[in-house]
Amino acid sequence: MLAIASLAAAAPQPYGPLPTPRQLAWQQLEFIGFLHFTVNTFTDKEWGYGDETESVFNPTAFDANQIVRTAKNAGMKQLILTCKHHDGFCLWPSKFTEHSVKNSTWKNGKGDVVREISDACRRHGLKFGVYLSPWDRNHKDYATPAYITYFRNQLRELLTNYGPIHEVWFDGANGGDGYYGGAREKRKIDNRTYYDWPNTIKIVRELQPDACIFSDAGPDVRWVGNERGIAGETCWATLNRDDFYPGGADRKRLNEGDRPGTHWLPAECDVSIRPGWFYHAKEDDKVRSPENLLDLYFASVGRGAVFLLNLPPDRRGLIHENDVKSLQGFRKLMDATFKKNLARGAKLNDGVLDLGKTVTFNVVRLREDITLGQRVEAFALDQWKDGQWVEFANGTSIGQCRLTRGAKVTTNKVRLRITQSAASPAISEFSLFLCPVEALPLAKP
């Protein structure tokens, strides 16, 4: 890693909104995992209706160690478990509902998926996060004030009984058709006011002060505006947060961020390794390839966001062999790309890397010191060729990480030009790598 303290003479002063310590720690994870697992896994649905018989949840060979080890070997630093999805089925023995594992066939009702995954995460050195769906298609009181008490009771169970929680994930899907205790009707809520989010957020801050809270509006982490894992080519870590609320999304602005923005609110890029979020046997031959996963990494982490990849356990309670194989291939590509920084040992002066020899690369990694804010608004990269500087790449936002990937460049000198900046630049890394595979076209965000 090569550091450029500043391209100005004076030490940089902080600029604009700044990340909190918990946001900074979260952004540094870069690659994390989702586990979508519930009654849907066994009913072959994506959204359960809420009328499922609890006994349907019965994984035959559940192995939390296999799940977590698979994620760790792929390079993930955290796992978020769907502790309760829209169907209302709880993967822990909640004392506030009968629609949970305590009434399932699995382990004669004595099992606790949240406990086993959270414990396995600690054993393997991964951080643990919880997804708790605000919408509950099972509960009789949904859309009434009584449900908010129920929802908060569940949240307290998760935040007090399972050790450190590093991310709390609130979905934006709220209201619609459901079982609702047998009513079988459609219920609507005002998602701006119904959940009284400020007081729910206070519970998280009180019980798990280091946890980042995800929703369309944060307050710590924002949705990227799509479920394809792709951040905008320009993706600011700042947003005018008060314009948003959970379930209220301006997808374009979420994808790109706001510049300047009122709050530091970095993007999280969620996508599944399969077409669906939950396991379906018919998708066993539709797992994303290692090359596609690598492209998504460049389109998420490489644009300053965090890559959240879903790994749905199958009906055995394991990550399927096809998914494991793809993840192993992805890890090999990542290792082959980033194991050697070709700029190591180079001399850096006024934004110019003097490599001291001819080097071939096709990836450049830039980072800003985001503890000082997001300062750079545009940059260009030049190679020394035939006695002159020739531009080979350019971009806008940098932030936590910016990866440029293109045709191979062979040169002995590379120059970084900051072409627009709101404050004196504070670049903390300028590195070169050689990726063994070419980028494939990705759909626009």
Protein backbone atom coordinates (compact mmCIF):
# COMPACT_ATOMS: atom_id res chain seq x y z
CA MET A 1 0.00 0.00 0.00
CA LEU A 2 1.21 3.46 -0.87
CA ALA A 3 -0.11 6.48 0.97
CA ILE A 4 -0.49 10.02 -0.29
CA ALA A 5 -1.15 12.10 2.81
CA SER A 6 -2.30 15.02 0.70
CA LEU A 7 -1.76 16.64 -2.64
CA ALA A 8 -1.75 19.97 -0.80
CA ALA A 9 1.00 21.39 1.39
CA ALA A 10 -1.06 21.56 4.60
CA ALA A 11 -2.46 18.58 6.47
CA PRO A 12 -6.09 18.02 5.38
CA GLN A 13 -8.91 19.13 7.63
CA PRO A 14 -12.10 17.03 7.80
CA TYR A 15 -14.63 17.81 5.09
CA GLY A 16 -18.39 17.28 5.12
CA PRO A 17 -20.20 14.40 6.86
CA LEU A 18 -17.90 11.85 8.48
CA PRO A 19 -18.38 8.14 9.27
CA THR A 20 -19.03 7.11 12.85
CA PRO A 21 -16.70 4.46 14.32
CA ARG A 22 -19.35 1.76 13.74
CA GLN A 23 -19.83 2.86 10.11
CA LEU A 24 -16.10 2.89 9.54
CA ALA A 25 -15.73 -0.63 10.95
CA TRP A 26 -18.64 -1.82 8.79
CA GLN A 27 -17.22 -0.34 5.57
CA GLN A 28 -13.89 -2.00 6.18
CA LEU A 29 -15.59 -5.43 6.10
CA GLU A 30 -16.29 -4.91 2.34
CA PHE A 31 -17.57 -8.47 1.66
CA ILE A 32 -20.32 -9.97 3.83
CA GLY A 33 -23.01 -12.64 3.54
CA PHE A 34 -26.77 -13.09 3.84
CA LEU A 35 -28.46 -16.33 4.93
CA HIS A 36 -32.08 -16.61 3.76
CA PHE A 37 -33.51 -19.62 5.58
CA THR A 38 -37.04 -20.26 6.91
CA VAL A 39 -40.23 -22.20 6.13
CA ASN A 40 -39.93 -20.92 2.54
CA THR A 41 -36.98 -23.25 2.09
CA PHE A 42 -39.37 -26.18 2.55
CA THR A 43 -42.49 -24.79 0.86
CA ASP A 44 -40.53 -23.70 -2.24
CA LYS A 45 -41.68 -20.09 -1.92
CA GLU A 46 -39.96 -16.72 -1.84
CA TRP A 47 -42.53 -14.99 0.37
CA GLY A 48 -44.41 -17.19 2.81
CA TYR A 49 -48.05 -16.32 3.49
CA GLY A 50 -47.82 -16.83 7.25
CA ASP A 51 -50.11 -19.86 7.46
CA GLU A 52 -47.34 -22.48 7.30
CA THR A 53 -47.47 -25.42 9.65
CA GLU A 54 -44.46 -25.09 11.95
CA SER A 55 -43.58 -28.76 11.45
CA VAL A 56 -42.64 -28.06 7.82
CA PHE A 57 -39.35 -26.57 9.03
CA ASN A 58 -37.19 -29.68 9.34
CA PRO A 59 -33.64 -29.50 7.95
CA THR A 60 -32.25 -33.03 7.86
CA ALA A 61 -28.56 -32.28 8.39
CA PHE A 62 -28.29 -28.69 9.63
CA ASP A 63 -24.65 -27.74 10.14
CA ALA A 64 -23.92 -24.17 11.22
CA ASN A 65 -20.19 -24.83 10.99
CA GLN A 66 -20.45 -25.86 7.33
CA ILE A 67 -22.47 -22.74 6.53
CA VAL A 68 -20.17 -20.32 8.34
CA ARG A 69 -16.98 -22.05 7.20
CA THR A 70 -18.17 -21.79 3.59
CA ALA A 71 -18.71 -18.06 4.02
CA LYS A 72 -15.35 -17.56 5.71
CA ASN A 73 -13.47 -19.53 3.05
CA ALA A 74 -15.07 -17.29 0.42
CA GLY A 75 -13.65 -14.23 2.18
CA MET A 76 -16.78 -12.97 3.94
CA LYS A 77 -16.28 -11.08 7.20
CA GLN A 78 -19.88 -11.11 8.50
CA LEU A 79 -23.11 -13.10 8.13
CA ILE A 80 -26.66 -11.73 8.47
CA LEU A 81 -29.36 -14.31 9.21
CA THR A 82 -33.05 -13.89 8.30
CA CYS A 83 -34.19 -14.55 11.87
CA LYS A 84 -37.76 -13.73 10.83
CA HIS A 85 -38.90 -13.14 7.26
CA HIS A 86 -42.31 -11.84 6.12
CA ASP A 87 -43.97 -15.18 6.98
CA GLY A 88 -43.41 -14.42 10.66
CA PHE A 89 -41.71 -17.76 11.40
CA CYS A 90 -38.95 -17.26 13.98
CA LEU A 91 -35.69 -19.19 13.72
CA TRP A 92 -35.29 -18.87 17.48
CA PRO A 93 -37.69 -20.09 20.22
CA SER A 94 -39.33 -16.72 20.76
CA LYS A 95 -41.52 -16.62 23.83
CA PHE A 96 -43.86 -14.17 22.10
CA THR A 97 -45.17 -16.43 19.31
CA GLU A 98 -45.98 -20.05 18.56
CA HIS A 99 -44.90 -19.62 14.93
CA SER A 100 -41.29 -20.59 15.55
CA VAL A 101 -38.78 -23.42 15.69
CA LYS A 102 -40.02 -24.36 19.14
CA ASN A 103 -43.04 -25.97 17.46
CA SER A 104 -41.15 -27.48 14.53
CA THR A 105 -40.19 -31.09 13.95
CA TRP A 106 -36.50 -30.14 13.85
CA LYS A 107 -34.71 -31.28 17.00
CA ASN A 108 -38.12 -32.00 18.56
CA GLY A 109 -38.67 -28.27 18.98
CA LYS A 110 -35.47 -27.79 20.98
CA GLY A 111 -33.44 -26.18 18.19
CA ASP A 112 -32.34 -22.59 17.79
CA VAL A 113 -30.90 -21.60 14.40
CA VAL A 114 -29.98 -18.10 15.59
CA ARG A 115 -27.99 -19.57 18.46
CA GLU A 116 -26.14 -22.07 16.28
CA ILE A 117 -25.26 -19.56 13.53
CA SER A 118 -24.22 -16.82 15.96
CA ASP A 119 -22.05 -19.25 17.93
CA ALA A 120 -20.48 -20.59 14.73
CA CYS A 121 -19.72 -17.05 13.59
CA ARG A 122 -17.82 -16.40 16.81
CA ARG A 123 -15.92 -19.69 16.50
CA HIS A 124 -14.83 -18.87 12.96
CA GLY A 125 -14.12 -15.20 13.53
CA LEU A 126 -17.04 -13.68 11.59
CA LYS A 127 -19.27 -10.89 12.81
CA PHE A 128 -22.97 -11.66 13.15
CA GLY A 129 -26.02 -9.66 12.09
CA VAL A 130 -29.79 -10.13 12.29
CA TYR A 131 -32.61 -9.54 9.79
CA LEU A 132 -35.98 -8.99 11.44
CA SER A 133 -38.83 -8.34 9.01
CA PRO A 134 -41.07 -5.46 10.14
CA TRP A 135 -43.90 -7.02 8.09
CA ASP A 136 -45.39 -10.15 9.66
CA ARG A 137 -48.00 -12.04 7.60
CA ASN A 138 -48.67 -14.44 10.47
CA HIS A 139 -49.34 -12.20 13.46
CA LYS A 140 -52.95 -11.36 14.27
CA ASP A 141 -52.12 -7.84 15.47
CA TYR A 142 -50.17 -6.65 12.45
CA ALA A 143 -51.24 -3.11 11.42
CA THR A 144 -52.40 -2.31 14.97
CA PRO A 145 -50.39 -0.61 17.77
CA ALA A 146 -50.19 -3.92 19.64
CA TYR A 147 -47.95 -5.36 16.93
CA ILE A 148 -45.28 -2.71 17.51
CA THR A 149 -44.92 -3.94 21.09
CA TYR A 150 -44.62 -7.51 19.78
CA PHE A 151 -42.05 -6.49 17.15
CA ARG A 152 -39.93 -4.66 19.71
CA ASN A 153 -40.12 -7.59 22.11
CA GLN A 154 -38.72 -9.82 19.35
CA LEU A 155 -36.01 -7.28 18.61
CA ARG A 156 -35.00 -7.22 22.28
CA GLU A 157 -34.77 -11.02 22.32
CA LEU A 158 -32.37 -10.99 19.38
CA LEU A 159 -30.29 -8.12 20.74
CA THR A 160 -29.88 -9.51 24.26
CA ASN A 161 -29.58 -13.28 23.90
CA TYR A 162 -27.06 -13.84 21.09
CA GLY A 163 -23.91 -11.92 21.91
CA PRO A 164 -22.54 -8.96 19.93
CA ILE A 165 -24.70 -7.96 16.95
CA HIS A 166 -22.92 -5.95 14.27
CA GLU A 167 -25.75 -5.21 11.83
CA VAL A 168 -29.53 -5.00 12.19
CA TRP A 169 -31.37 -5.29 8.86
CA PHE A 170 -34.86 -3.83 8.38
CA ASP A 171 -36.63 -4.69 5.12
CA GLY A 172 -38.72 -2.20 3.17
CA ALA A 173 -41.53 -4.67 2.30
CA ASN A 174 -44.47 -3.67 4.49
CA GLY A 175 -48.15 -4.59 4.36
CA GLY A 176 -50.33 -6.59 2.00
CA ASP A 177 -52.09 -9.95 1.90
CA GLY A 178 -51.48 -12.29 4.80
CA TYR A 179 -52.79 -14.95 7.16
CA TYR A 180 -52.87 -12.58 10.16
CA GLY A 181 -53.99 -15.15 12.70
CA GLY A 182 -56.65 -16.58 10.40
CA ALA A 183 -58.14 -13.31 9.14
CA ARG A 184 -56.71 -13.94 5.66
CA GLU A 185 -57.02 -10.38 4.48
CA LYS A 186 -55.07 -7.46 3.09
CA ARG A 187 -53.71 -4.96 5.59
CA LYS A 188 -52.09 -1.64 4.84
CA ILE A 189 -49.95 0.55 7.05
CA ASP A 190 -48.37 3.98 6.73
CA ASN A 191 -44.73 2.97 6.60
CA ARG A 192 -43.67 6.54 7.39
CA THR A 193 -45.28 6.50 10.84
CA TYR A 194 -46.56 3.05 11.82
CA TYR A 195 -43.34 1.58 13.18
CA ASP A 196 -42.30 4.71 15.10
CA TRP A 197 -38.76 4.10 13.86
CA PRO A 198 -37.00 6.66 16.09
CA ASN A 199 -37.98 4.74 19.22
CA THR A 200 -37.18 1.38 17.62
CA ILE A 201 -33.74 2.70 16.70
CA LYS A 202 -33.24 3.77 20.32
CA ILE A 203 -33.65 0.14 21.38
CA VAL A 204 -30.86 -0.93 19.03
CA ARG A 205 -28.60 1.89 20.21
CA GLU A 206 -29.22 0.97 23.84
CA LEU A 207 -28.75 -2.79 23.52
CA GLN A 208 -26.16 -3.01 20.70
CA PRO A 209 -24.45 0.39 20.36
CA ASP A 210 -21.86 -0.93 17.89
CA ALA A 211 -24.47 -2.33 15.49
CA CYS A 212 -25.06 -0.62 12.15
CA ILE A 213 -28.73 -0.28 11.22
CA PHE A 214 -29.71 -0.94 7.60
CA SER A 215 -32.80 0.35 5.80
CA ASP A 216 -33.65 2.60 2.86
CA ALA A 217 -32.98 5.48 5.24
CA GLY A 218 -30.23 3.97 7.37
CA PRO A 219 -29.55 5.55 9.79
CA ASP A 220 -26.14 3.86 9.36
CA VAL A 221 -26.29 1.88 6.09
CA ARG A 222 -28.48 2.46 3.03
CA TRP A 223 -29.87 0.14 0.39
CA VAL A 224 -28.16 0.53 -2.97
CA GLY A 225 -31.50 0.75 -4.78
CA ASN A 226 -31.48 -2.65 -6.51
CA GLU A 227 -31.10 -6.34 -5.68
CA ARG A 228 -28.50 -6.98 -8.38
CA GLY A 229 -25.45 -6.13 -6.30
CA ILE A 230 -24.44 -3.15 -8.42
CA ALA A 231 -23.58 0.32 -7.11
CA GLY A 232 -23.65 3.34 -9.37
CA GLU A 233 -20.53 4.13 -11.39
CA THR A 234 -20.66 7.23 -9.23
CA CYS A 235 -21.60 6.20 -5.69
CA TRP A 236 -21.20 8.79 -2.95
CA ALA A 237 -21.13 7.65 0.67
CA THR A 238 -23.29 10.67 1.58
CA LEU A 239 -27.06 11.10 1.33
CA ASN A 240 -29.73 13.60 2.32
CA ARG A 241 -31.04 11.10 4.84
CA ASP A 242 -34.15 12.97 5.91
CA ASP A 243 -35.59 12.57 2.39
CA PHE A 244 -35.91 8.80 2.94
CA TYR A 245 -37.69 6.32 5.21
CA PRO A 246 -37.83 2.50 5.35
CA GLY A 247 -39.93 1.38 2.41
CA GLY A 248 -39.67 4.76 0.72
CA ALA A 249 -36.93 4.53 -1.89
CA ASP A 250 -35.73 6.81 -4.66
CA ARG A 251 -33.72 4.06 -6.31
CA LYS A 252 -31.56 6.33 -8.46
CA ARG A 253 -30.52 8.50 -5.54
CA LEU A 254 -29.89 5.48 -3.34
CA ASN A 255 -27.72 4.01 -6.08
CA GLU A 256 -25.64 7.13 -6.58
CA GLY A 257 -25.89 8.93 -3.23
CA ASP A 258 -26.18 12.72 -2.86
CA ARG A 259 -23.34 15.17 -3.40
CA PRO A 260 -23.06 17.01 -1.17
CA GLY A 261 -25.11 15.04 1.32
CA THR A 262 -26.28 15.83 4.82
CA HIS A 263 -25.26 12.50 6.37
CA TRP A 264 -22.64 9.80 5.93
CA LEU A 265 -24.76 6.87 4.74
CA PRO A 266 -22.78 4.33 2.68
CA ALA A 267 -24.43 1.80 0.36
CA GLU A 268 -24.83 -1.95 0.79
CA CYS A 269 -25.20 -4.03 -2.41
CA ASP A 270 -27.43 -7.06 -1.80
CA VAL A 271 -27.72 -9.87 -4.34
CA SER A 272 -28.25 -13.63 -4.23
CA ILE A 273 -25.89 -16.27 -5.57
CA ARG A 274 -29.01 -17.84 -7.15
CA PRO A 275 -32.03 -16.33 -8.94
CA GLY A 276 -34.09 -16.59 -5.73
CA TRP A 277 -33.31 -15.52 -2.18
CA PHE A 278 -34.39 -18.84 -0.69
CA TYR A 279 -33.22 -22.28 -1.79
CA HIS A 280 -35.07 -23.93 -4.68
CA ALA A 281 -33.85 -27.24 -6.09
CA LYS A 282 -34.77 -26.13 -9.62
CA GLU A 283 -32.05 -23.46 -9.34
CA ASP A 284 -29.20 -25.87 -8.55
CA ASP A 285 -27.84 -25.38 -12.07
CA LYS A 286 -28.34 -21.59 -12.02
CA VAL A 287 -25.70 -20.61 -9.49
CA ARG A 288 -23.65 -17.54 -10.37
CA SER A 289 -20.24 -18.29 -11.83
CA PRO A 290 -17.00 -17.31 -10.08
CA GLU A 291 -16.37 -14.80 -12.86
CA ASN A 292 -19.78 -13.18 -12.34
CA LEU A 293 -19.17 -12.93 -8.60
CA LEU A 294 -15.86 -11.24 -9.29
CA ASP A 295 -17.56 -8.74 -11.60
CA LEU A 296 -20.10 -8.00 -8.87
CA TYR A 297 -17.27 -7.44 -6.40
CA PHE A 298 -15.81 -4.81 -8.71
CA ALA A 299 -19.27 -3.24 -9.15
CA SER A 300 -19.89 -3.01 -5.40
CA VAL A 301 -16.73 -2.93 -3.29
CA GLY A 302 -14.96 -1.39 -6.26
CA ARG A 303 -17.39 1.55 -6.16
CA GLY A 304 -17.10 2.24 -2.44
CA ALA A 305 -19.97 0.04 -1.23
CA VAL A 306 -20.17 -3.23 0.72
CA PHE A 307 -20.96 -6.45 -1.17
CA LEU A 308 -23.72 -8.47 0.55
CA LEU A 309 -24.03 -11.89 -1.13
CA ASN A 310 -26.87 -14.22 -0.19
CA LEU A 311 -26.12 -17.92 0.39
CA PRO A 312 -29.41 -19.79 0.92
CA PRO A 313 -29.06 -23.02 2.93
CA ASP A 314 -30.84 -25.96 1.30
CA ARG A 315 -33.38 -28.34 2.82
CA ARG A 316 -30.60 -30.25 4.52
CA GLY A 317 -29.51 -27.05 6.27
CA LEU A 318 -26.27 -26.85 4.28
CA ILE A 319 -24.84 -24.59 1.59
CA HIS A 320 -25.33 -26.62 -1.59
CA GLU A 321 -22.29 -28.14 -3.30
CA ASN A 322 -22.79 -26.04 -6.44
CA ASP A 323 -22.78 -22.85 -4.41
CA VAL A 324 -19.67 -23.98 -2.53
CA LYS A 325 -17.88 -24.73 -5.79
CA SER A 326 -18.68 -21.30 -7.21
CA LEU A 327 -17.51 -19.57 -4.04
CA GLN A 328 -14.26 -21.55 -4.09
CA GLY A 329 -13.67 -20.46 -7.67
CA PHE A 330 -14.43 -16.84 -6.75
CA ARG A 331 -11.93 -16.96 -3.89
CA LYS A 332 -9.25 -18.31 -6.24
CA LEU A 333 -9.87 -15.43 -8.65
CA MET A 334 -9.73 -12.93 -5.79
CA ASP A 335 -6.48 -14.38 -4.49
CA ALA A 336 -4.96 -14.46 -7.96
CA THR A 337 -5.91 -10.81 -8.51
CA PHE A 338 -5.02 -9.21 -5.19
CA LYS A 339 -2.25 -11.39 -3.74
CA LYS A 340 0.48 -9.19 -5.27
CA ASN A 341 0.49 -5.41 -5.25
CA LEU A 342 2.59 -4.55 -8.31
CA ALA A 343 3.20 -1.07 -6.92
CA ARG A 344 4.92 -2.37 -3.82
CA GLY A 345 8.35 -0.80 -3.47
CA ALA A 346 7.63 1.91 -6.04
CA LYS A 347 8.54 5.53 -5.43
CA LEU A 348 5.67 7.98 -5.16
CA ASN A 349 6.09 11.68 -5.80
CA ASP A 350 3.37 14.22 -6.54
CA GLY A 351 0.91 11.51 -7.57
CA VAL A 352 3.38 9.67 -9.82
CA LEU A 353 4.28 6.05 -9.15
CA ASP A 354 7.79 5.34 -10.42
CA LEU A 355 7.78 1.55 -10.58
CA GLY A 356 11.49 1.27 -11.36
CA LYS A 357 10.75 -1.41 -13.93
CA THR A 358 8.18 -2.32 -16.56
CA VAL A 359 5.00 -3.70 -15.04
CA THR A 360 1.79 -5.09 -16.58
CA PHE A 361 -1.49 -4.52 -14.73
CA ASN A 362 -5.20 -4.08 -15.43
CA VAL A 363 -6.56 -3.10 -12.01
CA VAL A 364 -5.92 0.05 -9.99
CA ARG A 365 -7.13 0.35 -6.40
CA LEU A 366 -7.55 3.77 -4.84
CA ARG A 367 -8.73 4.63 -1.35
CA GLU A 368 -9.44 7.88 0.42
CA ASP A 369 -8.88 8.40 4.12
CA ILE A 370 -12.61 8.53 4.78
CA THR A 371 -12.08 9.55 8.40
CA LEU A 372 -11.54 12.97 6.76
CA GLY A 373 -14.70 12.69 4.64
CA GLN A 374 -15.23 12.03 0.93
CA ARG A 375 -13.25 14.74 -0.80
CA VAL A 376 -12.36 13.70 -4.36
CA GLU A 377 -15.02 14.29 -7.01
CA ALA A 378 -13.13 13.25 -10.16
CA PHE A 379 -9.81 11.65 -11.03
CA ALA A 380 -7.82 10.36 -13.99
CA LEU A 381 -5.07 7.75 -14.40
CA ASP A 382 -2.21 8.08 -16.89
CA GLN A 383 0.52 5.74 -18.09
CA TRP A 384 3.95 6.84 -19.30
CA LYS A 385 4.05 5.78 -22.93
CA ASP A 386 6.37 6.79 -25.78
CA GLY A 387 7.79 9.68 -23.79
CA GLN A 388 4.49 11.21 -22.72
CA TRP A 389 1.55 10.76 -20.39
CA VAL A 390 -1.45 8.93 -21.88
CA GLU A 391 -4.74 8.66 -19.98
CA PHE A 392 -6.11 5.10 -19.63
CA ALA A 393 -8.90 5.51 -17.05
CA ASN A 394 -10.94 8.09 -15.18
CA GLY A 395 -13.73 8.20 -12.66
CA THR A 396 -15.61 10.20 -10.05
CA SER A 397 -16.21 9.01 -6.48
CA ILE A 398 -13.46 7.13 -4.61
CA GLY A 399 -14.32 6.88 -0.90
CA GLN A 400 -13.57 3.62 0.92
CA CYS A 401 -12.42 1.85 -2.25
CA ARG A 402 -12.32 2.51 -5.98
CA LEU A 403 -11.32 -0.24 -8.38
CA THR A 404 -10.72 0.51 -12.03
CA ARG A 405 -10.44 -2.51 -14.29
CA GLY A 406 -9.76 -2.47 -18.00
CA ALA A 407 -7.31 -3.48 -20.69
CA LYS A 408 -3.80 -4.45 -19.67
CA VAL A 409 -1.35 -1.58 -19.28
CA THR A 410 2.39 -2.10 -19.53
CA THR A 411 4.50 0.80 -18.28
CA ASN A 412 7.11 1.86 -15.75
CA LYS A 413 5.24 4.91 -14.43
CA VAL A 414 1.61 5.60 -13.50
CA ARG A 415 0.13 8.97 -12.58
CA LEU A 416 -2.94 9.79 -10.51
CA ARG A 417 -4.49 13.15 -11.32
CA ILE A 418 -7.18 14.59 -9.08
CA THR A 419 -9.21 16.63 -11.57
CA GLN A 420 -11.89 17.84 -9.16
CA SER A 421 -11.96 17.91 -5.39
CA ALA A 422 -14.09 19.66 -2.80
CA ALA A 423 -11.13 19.81 -0.41
CA SER A 424 -7.46 18.92 -0.53
CA PRO A 425 -7.28 15.21 -1.46
CA ALA A 426 -6.39 12.61 1.17
CA ILE A 427 -5.57 9.46 -0.79
CA SER A 428 -4.54 6.57 1.46
CA GLU A 429 -3.85 3.90 -1.19
CA PHE A 430 -2.67 3.76 -4.80
CA SER A 431 -2.08 0.14 -5.80
CA LEU A 432 -1.77 -1.91 -9.00
CA PHE A 433 -2.88 -5.50 -9.65
CA LEU A 434 -3.26 -7.98 -12.50
CA CYS A 435 -6.62 -9.76 -12.78
CA PRO A 436 -6.45 -13.07 -14.68
CA VAL A 437 -9.91 -12.70 -16.28
CA GLU A 438 -11.53 -9.98 -18.33
CA ALA A 439 -14.62 -8.19 -17.07
CA LEU A 440 -18.01 -9.34 -18.37
CA PRO A 441 -20.80 -6.86 -19.14
CA LEU A 442 -23.14 -6.22 -16.21
CA ALA A 443 -26.62 -4.80 -16.42
CA LYS A 444 -26.96 -1.17 -15.40
CA PRO A 445 -28.08 -0.60 -11.77
